[in-house]
N, C-alpha and C. Protein backbone atom coordinates (compact mmCIF):
# COMPACT_ATOMS: atom_id res chain seq x y z
N MET A 1 -39.52 -6.69 -19.14
CA MET A 1 -38.74 -5.82 -17.99
C MET A 1 -39.84 -5.69 -16.77
N THR A 2 -41.03 -6.10 -16.59
CA THR A 2 -41.93 -5.77 -15.67
C THR A 2 -41.21 -6.77 -14.16
N GLY A 3 -41.22 -5.78 -13.27
CA GLY A 3 -41.14 -6.52 -12.05
C GLY A 3 -39.82 -5.79 -11.62
N VAL A 4 -38.71 -5.23 -12.77
CA VAL A 4 -37.52 -5.16 -12.47
C VAL A 4 -37.34 -3.74 -11.89
N GLU A 5 -36.67 -3.40 -11.06
CA GLU A 5 -36.54 -2.09 -10.37
C GLU A 5 -35.40 -1.45 -11.15
N CYS A 6 -35.71 0.00 -11.29
CA CYS A 6 -35.15 0.74 -12.06
C CYS A 6 -34.25 1.77 -11.52
N VAL A 7 -33.03 1.93 -11.97
CA VAL A 7 -32.08 2.75 -11.33
C VAL A 7 -31.51 3.95 -12.43
N TRP A 8 -31.72 5.35 -11.90
CA TRP A 8 -31.30 6.31 -12.62
C TRP A 8 -30.02 6.71 -12.64
N LEU A 9 -28.86 6.79 -13.25
CA LEU A 9 -27.59 7.13 -13.07
C LEU A 9 -27.50 8.25 -13.82
N LEU A 10 -26.87 9.61 -13.16
CA LEU A 10 -26.67 10.91 -13.67
C LEU A 10 -24.95 11.10 -13.59
N PRO A 11 -24.68 10.99 -14.91
CA PRO A 11 -22.99 11.15 -14.78
C PRO A 11 -22.35 12.28 -15.20
N GLY A 12 -21.02 12.39 -13.99
CA GLY A 12 -20.30 13.08 -14.06
C GLY A 12 -19.22 12.49 -15.20
N SER A 13 -18.57 11.23 -15.02
CA SER A 13 -17.99 10.57 -15.69
C SER A 13 -18.82 9.28 -16.54
N ALA A 14 -19.00 9.47 -17.72
CA ALA A 14 -19.62 8.62 -18.76
C ALA A 14 -18.98 7.22 -18.44
N LEU A 15 -17.67 7.16 -18.60
CA LEU A 15 -16.91 5.93 -18.59
C LEU A 15 -17.53 4.57 -17.38
N LEU A 16 -17.34 5.77 -16.12
CA LEU A 16 -17.86 5.15 -14.61
C LEU A 16 -19.51 4.90 -14.76
N SER A 17 -20.04 5.66 -15.59
CA SER A 17 -21.65 5.44 -15.37
C SER A 17 -21.71 4.27 -16.16
N VAL A 18 -21.48 3.94 -16.91
CA VAL A 18 -21.77 3.07 -18.16
C VAL A 18 -21.33 1.57 -17.46
N ALA A 19 -20.28 1.78 -16.88
CA ALA A 19 -19.65 0.66 -16.34
C ALA A 19 -20.47 0.24 -15.45
N LEU A 20 -20.75 1.25 -14.38
CA LEU A 20 -21.64 0.63 -12.86
C LEU A 20 -23.28 0.36 -13.55
N GLY A 21 -23.79 1.19 -14.74
CA GLY A 21 -25.01 0.74 -15.17
C GLY A 21 -24.78 -1.01 -15.69
N ALA A 22 -23.78 -1.53 -16.49
CA ALA A 22 -23.53 -2.71 -16.71
C ALA A 22 -23.60 -4.01 -15.67
N ALA A 23 -22.75 -3.16 -14.86
CA ALA A 23 -22.43 -4.28 -13.55
C ALA A 23 -24.38 -3.93 -12.87
N LEU A 24 -24.37 -3.25 -12.57
CA LEU A 24 -26.33 -3.05 -12.04
C LEU A 24 -27.22 -4.21 -12.81
N THR A 25 -26.89 -3.95 -14.27
CA THR A 25 -28.02 -4.89 -14.80
C THR A 25 -27.69 -6.16 -14.55
N VAL A 26 -26.55 -6.50 -14.42
CA VAL A 26 -26.22 -7.90 -14.10
C VAL A 26 -26.70 -8.56 -12.87
N LEU A 27 -26.92 -7.38 -11.98
CA LEU A 27 -27.50 -7.79 -10.66
C LEU A 27 -28.78 -7.75 -10.71
N GLY A 28 -29.82 -7.41 -11.79
CA GLY A 28 -30.95 -7.49 -11.79
C GLY A 28 -31.63 -6.13 -12.03
N TRP A 29 -31.09 -5.39 -11.94
CA TRP A 29 -31.54 -3.83 -11.83
C TRP A 29 -31.59 -3.40 -13.53
N ARG A 30 -32.64 -2.81 -13.60
CA ARG A 30 -32.58 -1.81 -14.94
C ARG A 30 -32.27 -0.70 -15.22
N ALA A 31 -30.88 -0.42 -15.66
CA ALA A 31 -30.24 0.61 -15.46
C ALA A 31 -30.31 1.89 -16.79
N VAL A 32 -30.70 2.83 -16.35
CA VAL A 32 -31.18 4.05 -17.19
C VAL A 32 -29.91 5.15 -17.20
N GLN A 33 -29.53 5.33 -18.20
CA GLN A 33 -28.47 6.54 -18.20
C GLN A 33 -29.01 7.64 -18.86
N LEU A 34 -28.88 8.76 -17.92
CA LEU A 34 -29.40 10.29 -18.26
C LEU A 34 -28.23 11.01 -18.94
N SER A 35 -28.78 11.78 -19.75
CA SER A 35 -27.65 12.57 -20.36
C SER A 35 -27.11 13.95 -19.61
N GLY A 36 -27.83 14.12 -18.79
CA GLY A 36 -27.57 15.74 -18.14
C GLY A 36 -29.08 15.85 -17.22
N GLU A 37 -28.72 17.13 -16.59
CA GLU A 37 -29.61 17.35 -15.87
C GLU A 37 -30.93 17.64 -16.48
N GLU A 38 -31.29 18.41 -17.71
CA GLU A 38 -32.14 18.27 -18.35
C GLU A 38 -33.20 17.19 -18.51
N ALA A 39 -32.35 16.11 -18.71
CA ALA A 39 -32.72 14.92 -18.86
C ALA A 39 -33.17 14.50 -17.80
N LEU A 40 -32.78 14.45 -16.48
CA LEU A 40 -33.22 14.23 -15.21
C LEU A 40 -34.64 15.05 -14.99
N ALA A 41 -34.56 16.33 -15.26
CA ALA A 41 -35.83 17.33 -15.30
C ALA A 41 -36.90 16.36 -15.90
N CYS A 42 -36.66 16.02 -17.03
CA CYS A 42 -37.89 15.05 -17.97
C CYS A 42 -38.19 14.05 -17.29
N ALA A 43 -37.17 13.06 -16.76
CA ALA A 43 -37.56 11.89 -15.98
C ALA A 43 -38.22 11.80 -14.74
N ALA A 44 -38.18 13.17 -14.27
CA ALA A 44 -38.28 13.16 -12.73
C ALA A 44 -39.60 12.54 -12.29
N ARG A 45 -40.60 12.77 -12.78
CA ARG A 45 -41.91 12.16 -12.70
C ARG A 45 -42.11 10.80 -12.52
N GLU A 46 -41.37 10.13 -13.54
CA GLU A 46 -41.02 8.90 -13.71
C GLU A 46 -40.38 8.10 -12.55
N ILE A 47 -39.60 8.91 -12.03
CA ILE A 47 -38.49 8.28 -11.18
C ILE A 47 -39.03 8.07 -9.76
N GLY A 48 -40.03 9.13 -9.07
CA GLY A 48 -40.84 9.59 -8.17
C GLY A 48 -39.97 9.38 -6.97
N PRO A 49 -40.70 9.25 -5.77
CA PRO A 49 -40.22 9.55 -4.49
C PRO A 49 -39.48 8.01 -4.08
N ALA A 50 -39.80 6.97 -4.79
CA ALA A 50 -39.50 5.38 -4.50
C ALA A 50 -38.40 5.08 -5.56
N GLY A 51 -38.06 6.02 -6.08
CA GLY A 51 -36.98 5.70 -7.33
C GLY A 51 -35.44 5.70 -6.69
N LYS A 52 -34.51 5.36 -7.61
CA LYS A 52 -33.24 5.44 -6.96
C LYS A 52 -32.14 5.99 -8.14
N LEU A 53 -31.41 7.11 -7.55
CA LEU A 53 -30.99 7.80 -8.41
C LEU A 53 -29.53 7.84 -7.88
N VAL A 54 -28.47 7.73 -8.97
CA VAL A 54 -27.16 7.56 -8.91
C VAL A 54 -26.45 8.75 -9.56
N LEU A 55 -25.67 9.66 -8.45
CA LEU A 55 -25.05 10.90 -9.18
C LEU A 55 -23.33 10.39 -9.10
N ILE A 56 -22.86 10.42 -10.29
CA ILE A 56 -21.37 9.98 -10.62
C ILE A 56 -20.31 11.13 -10.82
N ALA A 57 -19.62 11.49 -9.86
CA ALA A 57 -18.57 12.50 -9.90
C ALA A 57 -17.79 12.34 -11.35
N ASP A 58 -17.23 13.41 -11.79
CA ASP A 58 -16.45 13.53 -12.79
C ASP A 58 -14.84 13.35 -12.63
N ALA A 59 -13.89 13.46 -13.50
CA ALA A 59 -12.85 12.99 -13.06
C ALA A 59 -11.98 13.95 -11.98
N GLN A 60 -12.31 15.47 -11.61
CA GLN A 60 -11.94 16.20 -10.79
C GLN A 60 -12.80 16.23 -9.30
N GLY A 61 -13.71 14.81 -9.36
CA GLY A 61 -14.42 15.12 -8.33
C GLY A 61 -15.71 15.63 -8.12
N ARG A 62 -15.92 16.61 -9.09
CA ARG A 62 -17.67 17.18 -9.07
C ARG A 62 -18.26 16.44 -9.34
N LEU A 63 -19.64 16.47 -8.39
CA LEU A 63 -20.80 15.77 -8.73
C LEU A 63 -21.96 16.86 -9.31
N PRO A 64 -22.78 15.91 -9.88
CA PRO A 64 -23.99 16.55 -10.57
C PRO A 64 -25.12 16.73 -9.33
N ASP A 65 -25.64 18.14 -9.67
CA ASP A 65 -26.44 18.70 -8.39
C ASP A 65 -27.91 18.24 -9.16
N PRO A 66 -28.36 17.65 -8.81
CA PRO A 66 -29.92 17.43 -8.88
C PRO A 66 -30.84 18.30 -8.66
N ARG A 67 -30.77 18.77 -7.78
CA ARG A 67 -31.87 19.87 -6.65
C ARG A 67 -32.90 20.77 -8.06
N ALA A 68 -32.18 21.24 -9.16
CA ALA A 68 -33.24 22.29 -9.78
C ALA A 68 -33.61 21.08 -10.58
N ALA A 69 -33.67 20.02 -10.99
CA ALA A 69 -34.42 19.44 -11.77
C ALA A 69 -35.61 18.48 -10.90
N LEU A 70 -35.31 18.34 -9.76
CA LEU A 70 -36.40 17.77 -8.69
C LEU A 70 -36.86 18.83 -7.84
N VAL A 71 -36.88 19.84 -8.23
CA VAL A 71 -37.53 21.04 -7.43
C VAL A 71 -38.90 20.68 -7.33
N GLY A 72 -39.62 21.13 -6.11
CA GLY A 72 -41.15 20.22 -6.38
C GLY A 72 -41.61 19.24 -6.35
N ARG A 73 -40.76 18.25 -6.66
CA ARG A 73 -40.89 16.88 -6.53
C ARG A 73 -40.37 15.96 -5.18
N PRO A 74 -41.31 14.96 -5.02
CA PRO A 74 -40.70 14.30 -3.70
C PRO A 74 -39.26 13.88 -4.12
N ARG A 75 -37.99 13.74 -2.98
CA ARG A 75 -36.84 13.17 -3.17
C ARG A 75 -36.91 11.58 -3.47
N PRO A 76 -36.19 11.22 -4.32
CA PRO A 76 -35.85 9.70 -4.29
C PRO A 76 -34.64 9.50 -3.72
N LEU A 77 -34.28 8.48 -3.41
CA LEU A 77 -32.98 7.80 -2.66
C LEU A 77 -31.98 8.10 -3.90
N VAL A 78 -31.02 9.13 -3.13
CA VAL A 78 -30.15 9.54 -4.06
C VAL A 78 -28.53 9.23 -3.63
N VAL A 79 -28.01 8.39 -4.35
CA VAL A 79 -26.48 8.06 -3.66
C VAL A 79 -25.40 8.66 -4.47
N ALA A 80 -24.60 9.25 -4.09
CA ALA A 80 -23.14 9.99 -4.67
C ALA A 80 -22.26 9.18 -4.71
N VAL A 81 -21.54 8.58 -5.90
CA VAL A 81 -20.52 7.99 -6.17
C VAL A 81 -19.42 8.70 -6.55
N SER A 82 -18.54 9.27 -5.47
CA SER A 82 -17.55 10.20 -5.69
C SER A 82 -16.00 9.55 -5.74
N ALA A 83 -15.03 10.20 -6.62
CA ALA A 83 -13.64 9.75 -6.53
C ALA A 83 -12.52 10.70 -6.28
N GLY A 84 -11.96 11.23 -5.23
CA GLY A 84 -11.01 11.96 -5.20
C GLY A 84 -11.39 13.55 -4.56
N GLY A 85 -12.76 13.92 -4.41
CA GLY A 85 -13.16 14.92 -4.05
C GLY A 85 -12.88 15.05 -2.76
N PRO A 86 -13.07 16.52 -2.10
CA PRO A 86 -13.24 16.54 -0.68
C PRO A 86 -14.24 15.86 0.01
N PHE A 87 -14.05 15.36 1.32
CA PHE A 87 -15.00 14.58 1.89
C PHE A 87 -16.17 15.65 2.67
N SER A 88 -15.77 17.19 2.78
CA SER A 88 -16.61 17.75 3.33
C SER A 88 -17.41 18.18 2.49
N VAL A 89 -17.48 18.26 0.88
CA VAL A 89 -18.31 18.31 0.05
C VAL A 89 -19.55 17.12 -0.11
N LEU A 90 -19.07 16.07 -0.01
CA LEU A 90 -19.87 14.78 0.19
C LEU A 90 -20.92 14.77 1.48
N ALA A 91 -20.30 15.37 2.78
CA ALA A 91 -20.82 15.48 3.72
C ALA A 91 -21.99 17.05 3.74
N ASP A 92 -21.35 17.79 2.90
CA ASP A 92 -22.36 18.96 2.60
C ASP A 92 -23.52 18.23 1.66
N PHE A 93 -23.18 17.78 1.04
CA PHE A 93 -24.25 17.02 -0.08
C PHE A 93 -25.43 16.46 0.62
N VAL A 94 -24.95 15.40 1.84
CA VAL A 94 -25.58 14.75 2.59
C VAL A 94 -26.50 15.54 3.87
N GLU A 95 -25.58 16.67 4.13
CA GLU A 95 -26.50 17.48 5.13
C GLU A 95 -27.57 18.17 4.61
N ARG A 96 -27.10 18.87 3.23
CA ARG A 96 -28.26 19.55 2.79
C ARG A 96 -29.21 18.48 2.07
N ARG A 97 -29.21 17.31 2.15
CA ARG A 97 -30.24 16.24 1.62
C ARG A 97 -30.23 16.43 0.14
N VAL A 98 -29.05 16.72 -0.43
CA VAL A 98 -29.04 16.11 -1.62
C VAL A 98 -28.81 14.87 -2.11
N ALA A 99 -27.97 14.32 -1.05
CA ALA A 99 -27.71 12.92 -1.42
C ALA A 99 -28.08 12.29 0.13
N THR A 100 -28.70 11.30 -0.20
CA THR A 100 -29.04 10.35 1.05
C THR A 100 -27.89 9.44 1.59
N ALA A 101 -26.89 8.81 0.50
CA ALA A 101 -25.73 8.15 1.08
C ALA A 101 -24.58 8.50 -0.06
N VAL A 102 -23.42 8.26 0.07
CA VAL A 102 -22.34 8.10 -0.75
C VAL A 102 -21.66 6.92 -0.97
N LEU A 103 -20.57 6.85 -1.90
CA LEU A 103 -19.92 5.89 -1.91
C LEU A 103 -18.50 6.22 -2.56
N ASP A 104 -17.38 5.87 -2.17
CA ASP A 104 -15.95 6.10 -2.78
C ASP A 104 -15.77 5.38 -3.81
N ALA A 105 -15.56 5.96 -4.90
CA ALA A 105 -15.28 5.07 -6.16
C ALA A 105 -13.72 4.91 -6.17
N ASP A 106 -12.73 5.22 -5.29
CA ASP A 106 -11.61 4.86 -5.19
C ASP A 106 -11.28 3.63 -4.22
N GLN A 107 -11.92 2.41 -4.74
CA GLN A 107 -11.91 1.03 -4.51
C GLN A 107 -12.16 0.04 -5.36
N PRO A 108 -11.95 -1.08 -5.26
CA PRO A 108 -11.91 -1.83 -6.40
C PRO A 108 -13.43 -2.04 -6.48
N PHE A 109 -13.81 -2.01 -8.06
CA PHE A 109 -14.81 -1.81 -8.60
C PHE A 109 -15.57 -3.03 -8.30
N THR A 110 -15.41 -4.31 -8.03
CA THR A 110 -16.40 -5.25 -7.40
C THR A 110 -16.73 -4.61 -6.24
N ASP A 111 -15.96 -4.29 -5.39
CA ASP A 111 -16.50 -3.54 -4.06
C ASP A 111 -17.65 -2.55 -4.17
N LEU A 112 -17.43 -1.47 -4.89
CA LEU A 112 -17.77 -0.56 -5.42
C LEU A 112 -19.28 -0.72 -5.95
N VAL A 113 -19.50 -1.91 -6.66
CA VAL A 113 -20.81 -2.57 -7.21
C VAL A 113 -21.17 -2.85 -6.19
N ALA A 114 -20.98 -3.79 -5.20
CA ALA A 114 -21.49 -4.49 -4.04
C ALA A 114 -21.92 -3.61 -3.09
N GLY A 115 -21.13 -2.52 -2.89
CA GLY A 115 -21.46 -1.35 -1.72
C GLY A 115 -22.92 -0.86 -2.61
N LEU A 116 -22.82 -0.16 -3.72
CA LEU A 116 -24.10 0.27 -4.39
C LEU A 116 -25.34 -0.77 -4.43
N ASP A 117 -24.93 -1.94 -4.79
CA ASP A 117 -26.25 -2.52 -4.85
C ASP A 117 -26.75 -2.92 -3.24
N ARG A 118 -25.94 -3.00 -2.19
CA ARG A 118 -26.44 -2.82 -1.05
C ARG A 118 -27.66 -1.65 -0.54
N LEU A 119 -26.62 -0.55 -1.08
CA LEU A 119 -27.37 1.13 -0.65
C LEU A 119 -28.96 1.11 -1.65
N LEU A 120 -28.85 0.32 -2.51
CA LEU A 120 -30.12 0.49 -3.48
C LEU A 120 -31.01 -0.57 -2.97
N ARG A 121 -30.72 -1.48 -2.04
CA ARG A 121 -31.77 -2.31 -1.92
C ARG A 121 -32.22 -2.19 -0.38
N ARG A 122 -31.66 -1.31 0.15
CA ARG A 122 -32.38 -0.84 1.67
C ARG A 122 -32.45 0.58 1.91
N SER A 123 -33.63 1.13 2.75
CA SER A 123 -34.14 2.37 2.85
C SER A 123 -33.18 3.04 3.76
N VAL A 124 -32.80 4.21 3.97
CA VAL A 124 -31.64 4.78 4.49
C VAL A 124 -32.67 5.89 5.54
N ALA A 125 -32.47 5.39 6.69
CA ALA A 125 -33.20 6.43 7.76
C ALA A 125 -32.51 7.80 8.08
N ALA A 126 -33.16 8.94 8.49
CA ALA A 126 -32.72 9.92 9.07
C ALA A 126 -31.37 10.05 9.77
N HIS A 127 -31.57 8.87 10.98
CA HIS A 127 -30.22 8.89 11.67
C HIS A 127 -28.97 8.31 11.03
N ASP A 128 -29.49 7.55 9.91
CA ASP A 128 -28.14 6.99 9.25
C ASP A 128 -27.42 8.36 8.50
N SER A 129 -28.48 9.25 7.74
CA SER A 129 -27.56 10.27 7.08
C SER A 129 -26.70 11.11 8.26
N ALA A 130 -27.46 11.36 9.50
CA ALA A 130 -26.56 12.31 10.38
C ALA A 130 -25.06 11.71 10.80
N ARG A 131 -25.39 10.19 10.84
CA ARG A 131 -24.11 9.54 11.21
C ARG A 131 -23.01 9.56 10.05
N LEU A 132 -23.59 9.32 9.43
CA LEU A 132 -22.88 9.24 7.84
C LEU A 132 -22.05 11.01 7.58
N VAL A 133 -23.11 12.13 8.17
CA VAL A 133 -22.54 13.42 7.98
C VAL A 133 -21.11 13.28 8.95
N ALA A 134 -21.28 13.04 10.29
CA ALA A 134 -20.21 12.94 11.35
C ALA A 134 -19.26 12.13 10.94
N VAL A 135 -19.14 10.95 9.83
CA VAL A 135 -18.12 10.13 9.73
C VAL A 135 -17.33 11.05 8.62
N LEU A 136 -18.06 11.84 7.55
CA LEU A 136 -17.25 12.15 6.33
C LEU A 136 -16.47 13.34 6.76
N ARG A 137 -17.10 14.38 8.02
CA ARG A 137 -16.05 15.37 8.67
C ARG A 137 -15.19 14.84 9.20
N GLU A 138 -15.14 13.80 10.07
CA GLU A 138 -13.98 12.71 10.63
C GLU A 138 -12.95 12.70 9.54
N ARG A 139 -13.57 12.04 8.37
CA ARG A 139 -12.49 11.52 7.24
C ARG A 139 -12.01 13.00 6.39
N GLU A 140 -12.50 14.14 6.58
CA GLU A 140 -11.98 15.19 6.05
C GLU A 140 -10.79 15.51 6.84
N GLN A 141 -10.78 15.47 8.10
CA GLN A 141 -9.98 15.73 9.31
C GLN A 141 -8.47 14.85 8.81
N GLU A 142 -9.06 13.53 8.60
CA GLU A 142 -7.88 12.55 8.54
C GLU A 142 -7.21 13.05 7.20
N ALA A 143 -7.96 13.18 6.07
CA ALA A 143 -7.40 13.44 5.12
C ALA A 143 -6.33 14.43 4.50
N ARG A 144 -6.46 15.56 5.53
CA ARG A 144 -5.81 16.65 5.48
C ARG A 144 -4.40 16.33 6.18
N ARG A 145 -4.33 14.95 7.04
CA ARG A 145 -2.96 14.84 7.59
C ARG A 145 -1.81 14.21 6.42
N PHE A 146 -2.54 14.09 5.40
CA PHE A 146 -1.61 13.34 4.61
C PHE A 146 -0.94 14.47 3.80
N SER A 147 -1.58 15.77 3.81
CA SER A 147 -0.88 17.00 3.04
C SER A 147 0.43 17.19 3.76
N ALA A 148 0.66 16.84 5.07
CA ALA A 148 1.64 17.29 5.82
C ALA A 148 3.17 16.45 5.57
N LEU A 149 3.02 15.32 4.49
CA LEU A 149 3.94 14.59 4.21
C LEU A 149 4.54 15.19 3.34
N THR A 150 6.19 14.85 3.41
CA THR A 150 7.03 15.56 2.59
C THR A 150 7.05 14.41 1.14
N PRO A 151 7.54 14.52 0.25
CA PRO A 151 7.96 13.79 -1.03
C PRO A 151 8.24 12.46 -0.55
N ARG A 152 9.36 12.45 0.24
CA ARG A 152 9.92 11.66 0.68
C ARG A 152 9.29 10.63 1.40
N GLU A 153 8.49 11.05 2.41
CA GLU A 153 7.53 10.50 3.31
C GLU A 153 6.56 9.77 2.54
N GLN A 154 6.22 10.43 1.75
CA GLN A 154 5.15 9.90 0.52
C GLN A 154 5.84 8.30 -0.35
N HIS A 155 6.83 8.81 -0.43
CA HIS A 155 7.42 7.57 -1.28
C HIS A 155 7.62 6.47 -0.34
N VAL A 156 7.93 6.44 1.06
CA VAL A 156 7.77 5.33 2.22
C VAL A 156 6.92 5.04 2.77
N LEU A 157 5.31 5.74 2.39
CA LEU A 157 4.58 5.18 2.38
C LEU A 157 3.72 4.68 1.65
N CYS A 158 3.94 5.05 0.12
CA CYS A 158 3.46 4.11 -0.97
C CYS A 158 4.30 2.89 -0.68
N ALA A 159 5.37 2.25 -0.43
CA ALA A 159 6.24 1.47 -0.15
C ALA A 159 5.48 0.35 0.70
N LEU A 160 5.21 1.28 1.80
CA LEU A 160 4.43 0.55 3.13
C LEU A 160 3.17 -0.15 2.45
N LEU A 161 2.47 0.79 1.86
CA LEU A 161 1.19 0.37 1.20
C LEU A 161 1.58 -1.03 0.24
N ALA A 162 2.66 -1.16 -0.48
CA ALA A 162 3.04 -2.06 -1.56
C ALA A 162 3.31 -3.35 -0.57
N GLY A 163 3.43 -3.39 0.86
CA GLY A 163 3.61 -4.53 1.62
C GLY A 163 5.25 -4.58 1.78
N ARG A 164 6.10 -3.53 1.50
CA ARG A 164 7.62 -4.00 1.87
C ARG A 164 8.03 -3.04 3.16
N SER A 165 9.09 -4.06 3.57
CA SER A 165 9.57 -3.62 5.23
C SER A 165 10.48 -2.57 5.06
N ALA A 166 10.80 -2.15 5.90
CA ALA A 166 11.84 -1.24 6.33
C ALA A 166 13.19 -1.36 5.42
N ALA A 167 13.27 -2.60 5.95
CA ALA A 167 14.68 -3.21 5.06
C ALA A 167 14.49 -3.41 4.05
N GLU A 168 13.56 -3.88 3.05
CA GLU A 168 13.30 -3.96 1.68
C GLU A 168 13.33 -2.69 1.01
N ILE A 169 12.79 -1.33 1.98
CA ILE A 169 12.75 -0.02 1.01
C ILE A 169 14.12 0.51 1.43
N ALA A 170 15.26 0.13 2.27
CA ALA A 170 16.33 0.61 2.40
C ALA A 170 17.22 -0.04 1.25
N GLY A 171 17.21 -1.19 0.93
CA GLY A 171 17.65 -1.69 -0.06
C GLY A 171 17.12 -1.28 -1.22
N GLU A 172 16.06 -1.23 -1.52
CA GLU A 172 15.56 -0.99 -2.81
C GLU A 172 15.84 0.75 -3.10
N ASP A 173 15.98 1.66 -2.19
CA ASP A 173 16.45 2.98 -2.27
C ASP A 173 17.81 3.55 -2.08
N GLN A 174 18.52 2.16 -1.34
CA GLN A 174 20.06 2.60 -1.50
C GLN A 174 20.13 3.60 -0.23
N ILE A 175 19.69 3.59 0.72
CA ILE A 175 19.71 4.33 1.74
C ILE A 175 19.77 3.58 3.23
N SER A 176 20.24 4.15 4.40
CA SER A 176 20.41 3.37 5.16
C SER A 176 19.06 2.74 5.82
N LEU A 177 18.80 1.89 7.00
CA LEU A 177 18.13 1.31 7.66
C LEU A 177 17.62 2.26 8.25
N PRO A 178 18.20 2.91 9.28
CA PRO A 178 17.90 3.83 10.18
C PRO A 178 17.30 4.85 9.69
N THR A 179 17.79 5.60 8.28
CA THR A 179 17.16 6.60 7.89
C THR A 179 15.72 6.31 7.22
N VAL A 180 15.36 5.02 6.75
CA VAL A 180 14.23 4.76 6.51
C VAL A 180 13.24 4.68 7.90
N ARG A 181 13.73 4.05 8.78
CA ARG A 181 13.21 4.06 10.08
C ARG A 181 12.68 5.64 10.50
N SER A 182 13.51 6.48 10.46
CA SER A 182 13.30 7.82 10.87
C SER A 182 12.13 8.16 9.97
N HIS A 183 11.98 7.96 8.24
CA HIS A 183 10.94 8.33 7.95
C HIS A 183 9.95 7.69 8.00
N ILE A 184 9.42 6.60 8.51
CA ILE A 184 8.25 5.91 8.97
C ILE A 184 7.93 6.74 10.12
N ARG A 185 8.87 6.84 11.52
CA ARG A 185 8.45 7.54 12.06
C ARG A 185 7.63 8.88 12.29
N ALA A 186 8.20 9.49 10.98
CA ALA A 186 7.89 10.92 10.85
C ALA A 186 6.35 10.69 9.69
N VAL A 187 6.13 9.66 9.33
CA VAL A 187 4.87 9.17 8.60
C VAL A 187 3.94 8.93 9.66
N LEU A 188 4.54 8.01 10.52
CA LEU A 188 2.97 7.76 11.60
C LEU A 188 3.08 8.98 12.63
N THR A 189 3.76 9.95 12.94
CA THR A 189 3.57 10.93 13.85
C THR A 189 2.43 11.91 12.99
N LYS A 190 3.01 12.30 11.94
CA LYS A 190 2.31 13.27 11.21
C LYS A 190 0.67 12.55 10.83
N LEU A 191 0.86 11.50 10.59
CA LEU A 191 -0.87 10.76 10.60
C LEU A 191 -1.67 10.62 11.66
N GLY A 192 -0.78 10.66 12.98
CA GLY A 192 -1.37 10.38 14.38
C GLY A 192 -1.76 9.20 14.36
N VAL A 193 -0.90 8.13 13.85
CA VAL A 193 -1.19 6.69 14.25
C VAL A 193 -0.19 5.98 15.10
N SER A 194 -0.54 4.99 15.39
CA SER A 194 1.04 4.35 16.26
C SER A 194 1.60 3.27 15.38
N SER A 195 1.07 2.68 14.45
CA SER A 195 1.74 1.38 13.79
C SER A 195 1.91 1.44 12.21
N GLN A 196 2.28 1.02 11.44
CA GLN A 196 2.50 0.91 9.98
C GLN A 196 1.41 0.72 9.75
N LEU A 197 0.97 -0.52 10.17
CA LEU A 197 -0.54 -1.27 9.41
C LEU A 197 -1.62 -0.14 9.95
N ALA A 198 -1.72 0.69 10.69
CA ALA A 198 -2.85 1.62 10.67
C ALA A 198 -2.48 2.68 10.09
N ALA A 199 -1.21 3.14 9.53
CA ALA A 199 -1.03 4.20 8.83
C ALA A 199 -1.69 3.74 7.08
N VAL A 200 -1.33 2.36 7.04
CA VAL A 200 -1.94 2.00 5.70
C VAL A 200 -3.56 1.97 5.82
N ALA A 201 -4.09 1.52 7.07
CA ALA A 201 -5.36 1.46 6.88
C ALA A 201 -6.09 2.87 6.76
N LEU A 202 -5.54 3.97 7.36
CA LEU A 202 -5.99 5.54 7.64
C LEU A 202 -5.86 5.78 5.90
N ALA A 203 -4.63 5.01 4.99
CA ALA A 203 -4.27 5.70 3.71
C ALA A 203 -5.78 5.23 2.91
N HIS A 204 -5.95 4.10 3.14
CA HIS A 204 -7.11 3.30 2.49
C HIS A 204 -8.44 4.04 2.69
N ARG A 205 -8.52 4.48 3.96
CA ARG A 205 -9.81 5.20 4.37
C ARG A 205 -9.86 6.48 3.80
N SER A 206 -9.05 7.45 4.18
CA SER A 206 -9.22 8.61 3.68
C SER A 206 -8.29 9.65 3.05
N CYS A 207 -7.40 8.71 2.63
CA CYS A 207 -6.54 9.80 1.92
C CYS A 207 -6.70 10.18 0.62
N ARG A 208 -6.66 11.51 0.33
CA ARG A 208 -6.84 12.10 -1.15
C ARG A 208 -5.77 12.66 -1.83
N GLU A 209 -4.44 12.34 -1.59
CA GLU A 209 -3.23 12.91 -2.07
C GLU A 209 -3.13 12.25 -3.65
N PRO A 210 -3.37 12.68 -4.91
CA PRO A 210 -2.87 12.23 -6.27
C PRO A 210 -2.11 10.61 -6.04
N THR A 211 -0.86 11.14 -5.62
CA THR A 211 0.15 10.35 -5.83
C THR A 211 -0.04 8.94 -5.17
N LEU A 212 -0.62 9.01 -3.67
CA LEU A 212 -0.71 7.90 -3.04
C LEU A 212 -2.02 7.28 -3.74
N ILE A 213 -3.14 7.90 -4.14
CA ILE A 213 -4.19 7.17 -4.54
C ILE A 213 -4.05 6.55 -5.87
N GLU A 214 -3.20 6.91 -6.83
CA GLU A 214 -2.69 6.57 -7.95
C GLU A 214 -1.85 5.14 -7.24
N ARG A 215 -0.76 5.15 -6.39
CA ARG A 215 -0.25 4.07 -6.10
C ARG A 215 -1.00 3.14 -5.39
N MET A 216 -1.92 3.37 -4.92
CA MET A 216 -3.38 2.32 -4.40
C MET A 216 -3.74 1.75 -5.40
N ARG A 217 -3.90 2.53 -6.53
CA ARG A 217 -4.70 1.86 -7.59
C ARG A 217 -3.80 0.74 -8.51
N LYS A 218 -2.76 1.60 -8.37
CA LYS A 218 -1.77 0.14 -9.09
C LYS A 218 -1.43 -1.30 -8.32
N ILE A 219 -1.58 -0.89 -6.95
CA ILE A 219 -1.10 -2.09 -6.32
C ILE A 219 -2.68 -3.31 -6.15
N HIS A 220 -3.56 -2.45 -6.30
CA HIS A 220 -4.74 -3.36 -6.03
C HIS A 220 -5.44 -3.64 -7.71
N HIS A 221 -4.96 -2.70 -8.73
CA HIS A 221 -4.99 -3.34 -10.37
C HIS A 221 -6.47 -2.85 -10.47
N PHE A 222 -7.24 -1.36 -9.65
CA PHE A 222 -8.32 -0.98 -10.34
C PHE A 222 -7.81 0.43 -10.56
């Protein structure tokens, strides 16, 4: 394994951590699974400032915090992989330099692995972190818009995410086309977008509503 770079994974979700570790191994990394913060503290010297540490959130979106284990030591590159958690928490992690970069696990697994591989292979400058915090704060504001949708409006947005037209939604739900269009207009107004395509793009980028996230996972089979 000489010459193979090592990636350390600190899991909240053991299943996702194992899957990411296996995928990174295929891409040429040596993935080391850490059992917890105590194991991280023991490995901190070996990781060093040039190391790569991946924090993986649990099912509730909570990320492990490596600060206590790394106290007094130079920080390695830290990538936080989160799913479903508030963007504000991720922004705080980056702002407090707990994490250098973040990835959203609510995306196709192949995209997640490719994004993680890219981050691990490049250095992240301070200005990148500052820009990332701003983006995450903006996404938090976007995510809050989805909480204003009624159950019926969420249902209509789910149908739009699946690529259905207003006429198809009306036929499937056995309601009038003007009613469906009224629901669509309400969705666009509450989300602050001007088109159905923009609403779908916003949902993929920033939605944190469990019903909509589960629907997107089913549509994209991940």
